[in-house]
Amino acid sequence: MNNKNKLPVVVVIGANGFVGKNLVEALLETGNIKLICLERRVSLEKYSSKIKSIQGDLTKLETLQNLLVEGCTVVNLAYSFN
């Protein structure tokens, strides 16, 4: 596939919080992105068909390896790592 036809990928870390949930909703309204969200606990079920949700720990290397893709834009809204 031609890179011009690929949707941009946005990774939201801290998607469970107040700002994160509102950002996810705003990004989904654009309809022109692939959205990946890191959650400490599952709370974005209502978007399950529209996002890739990864439940994990930001301090673990394997979480980051599963979360990040080449060329993605990362929005880090996490305020606490424990």
C-alpha atoms as a PDB file:
ATOM      1  CA  MET A   1       0.000   0.000   0.000  1.00  0.00           C
ATOM      2  CA  ASN A   2       1.165   3.505  -0.764  1.00  0.00           C
ATOM      3  CA  ASN A   3       2.103   5.523   2.372  1.00  0.00           C
ATOM      4  CA  LYS A   4      -0.154   8.343   1.174  1.00  0.00           C
ATOM      5  CA  ASN A   5      -3.160   6.029   1.607  1.00  0.00           C
ATOM      6  CA  LYS A   6      -2.342   5.025   5.175  1.00  0.00           C
ATOM      7  CA  LEU A   7      -4.167   6.654   8.030  1.00  0.00           C
ATOM      8  CA  PRO A   8      -1.972   8.451  10.554  1.00  0.00           C
ATOM      9  CA  VAL A   9      -1.598   6.564  13.833  1.00  0.00           C
ATOM     10  CA  VAL A  10      -2.120   8.408  17.121  1.00  0.00           C
ATOM     11  CA  VAL A  11      -1.246   6.737  20.430  1.00  0.00           C
ATOM     12  CA  VAL A  12      -2.918   8.179  23.527  1.00  0.00           C
ATOM     13  CA  ILE A  13      -1.290   7.305  26.846  1.00  0.00           C
ATOM     14  CA  GLY A  14      -3.582   8.151  29.742  1.00  0.00           C
ATOM     15  CA  ALA A  15      -6.791   7.697  27.785  1.00  0.00           C
ATOM     16  CA  ASN A  16      -8.714   6.881  30.992  1.00  0.00           C
ATOM     17  CA  GLY A  17      -8.457  10.344  32.477  1.00  0.00           C
ATOM     18  CA  PHE A  18     -10.742  13.314  31.987  1.00  0.00           C
ATOM     19  CA  VAL A  19      -8.556  14.960  29.349  1.00  0.00           C
ATOM     20  CA  GLY A  20      -7.739  11.607  27.722  1.00  0.00           C
ATOM     21  CA  LYS A  21     -11.379  10.580  27.282  1.00  0.00           C
ATOM     22  CA  ASN A  22     -12.249  13.940  25.781  1.00  0.00           C
ATOM     23  CA  LEU A  23      -9.255  13.789  23.459  1.00  0.00           C
ATOM     24  CA  VAL A  24     -10.239  10.281  22.304  1.00  0.00           C
ATOM     25  CA  GLU A  25     -13.751  11.495  21.500  1.00  0.00           C
ATOM     26  CA  ALA A  26     -12.431  14.518  19.600  1.00  0.00           C
ATOM     27  CA  LEU A  27      -9.958  12.423  17.606  1.00  0.00           C
ATOM     28  CA  LEU A  28     -12.636   9.864  16.735  1.00  0.00           C
ATOM     29  CA  GLU A  29     -14.847  12.665  15.402  1.00  0.00           C
ATOM     30  CA  THR A  30     -12.215  13.446  12.766  1.00  0.00           C
ATOM     31  CA  GLY A  31     -12.516   9.912  11.397  1.00  0.00           C
ATOM     32  CA  ASN A  32      -9.174  10.243   9.654  1.00  0.00           C
ATOM     33  CA  ILE A  33      -6.852   8.427  12.061  1.00  0.00           C
ATOM     34  CA  LYS A  34      -6.064   5.046  13.548  1.00  0.00           C
ATOM     35  CA  LEU A  35      -6.265   5.412  17.324  1.00  0.00           C
ATOM     36  CA  ILE A  36      -4.384   3.274  19.847  1.00  0.00           C
ATOM     37  CA  CYS A  37      -5.027   3.862  23.560  1.00  0.00           C
ATOM     38  CA  LEU A  38      -3.116   2.686  26.613  1.00  0.00           C
ATOM     39  CA  GLU A  39      -5.356   2.054  29.607  1.00  0.00           C
ATOM     40  CA  ARG A  40      -4.472   1.002  33.142  1.00  0.00           C
ATOM     41  CA  ARG A  41      -8.005  -0.289  33.499  1.00  0.00           C
ATOM     42  CA  VAL A  42     -10.623  -0.930  30.865  1.00  0.00           C
ATOM     43  CA  SER A  43     -12.948   2.054  30.511  1.00  0.00           C
ATOM     44  CA  LEU A  44     -13.217   2.781  26.807  1.00  0.00           C
ATOM     45  CA  GLU A  45     -15.397  -0.232  25.925  1.00  0.00           C
ATOM     46  CA  LYS A  46     -17.916   1.923  24.103  1.00  0.00           C
ATOM     47  CA  TYR A  47     -15.224   2.704  21.517  1.00  0.00           C
ATOM     48  CA  SER A  48     -14.023  -0.888  21.149  1.00  0.00           C
ATOM     49  CA  SER A  49     -14.896  -1.070  17.452  1.00  0.00           C
ATOM     50  CA  LYS A  50     -13.149   2.228  16.686  1.00  0.00           C
ATOM     51  CA  ILE A  51      -9.896   2.026  18.653  1.00  0.00           C
ATOM     52  CA  LYS A  52      -7.209  -0.443  19.540  1.00  0.00           C
ATOM     53  CA  SER A  53      -7.134  -0.496  23.320  1.00  0.00           C
ATOM     54  CA  ILE A  54      -4.114  -1.898  25.127  1.00  0.00           C
ATOM     55  CA  GLN A  55      -4.303  -2.486  28.835  1.00  0.00           C
ATOM     56  CA  GLY A  56      -0.880  -2.303  30.399  1.00  0.00           C
ATOM     57  CA  ASP A  57       1.715  -0.695  32.573  1.00  0.00           C
ATOM     58  CA  LEU A  58       3.634   2.222  31.118  1.00  0.00           C
ATOM     59  CA  THR A  59       6.701   1.281  33.156  1.00  0.00           C
ATOM     60  CA  LYS A  60       6.974  -2.122  31.433  1.00  0.00           C
ATOM     61  CA  LEU A  61       9.012  -2.396  28.229  1.00  0.00           C
ATOM     62  CA  GLU A  62       6.669  -5.008  26.756  1.00  0.00           C
ATOM     63  CA  THR A  63       3.734  -2.611  27.094  1.00  0.00           C
ATOM     64  CA  LEU A  64       5.579   0.035  25.098  1.00  0.00           C
ATOM     65  CA  GLN A  65       6.640  -2.509  22.478  1.00  0.00           C
ATOM     66  CA  ASN A  66       2.978  -3.499  21.961  1.00  0.00           C
ATOM     67  CA  LEU A  67       1.810   0.096  21.983  1.00  0.00           C
ATOM     68  CA  LEU A  68       4.117   1.987  19.673  1.00  0.00           C
ATOM     69  CA  VAL A  69       4.260   1.651  15.903  1.00  0.00           C
ATOM     70  CA  GLU A  70       6.701   3.256  13.509  1.00  0.00           C
ATOM     71  CA  GLY A  71       5.747   6.790  12.566  1.00  0.00           C
ATOM     72  CA  CYS A  72       3.053   7.197  15.221  1.00  0.00           C
ATOM     73  CA  THR A  73       2.258  10.391  17.077  1.00  0.00           C
ATOM     74  CA  VAL A  74       2.263   9.925  20.858  1.00  0.00           C
ATOM     75  CA  VAL A  75       0.141  12.011  23.226  1.00  0.00           C
ATOM     76  CA  ASN A  76       1.238  11.314  26.806  1.00  0.00           C
ATOM     77  CA  LEU A  77      -1.385  12.369  29.340  1.00  0.00           C
ATOM     78  CA  ALA A  78      -0.272   9.984  32.089  1.00  0.00           C
ATOM     79  CA  TYR A  79       0.295  11.755  35.373  1.00  0.00           C
ATOM     80  CA  SER A  80       1.361   8.820  37.532  1.00  0.00           C
ATOM     81  CA  PHE A  81       3.307   5.666  36.772  1.00  0.00           C
ATOM     82  CA  ASN A  82       2.400   3.670  39.889  1.00  0.00           C
END
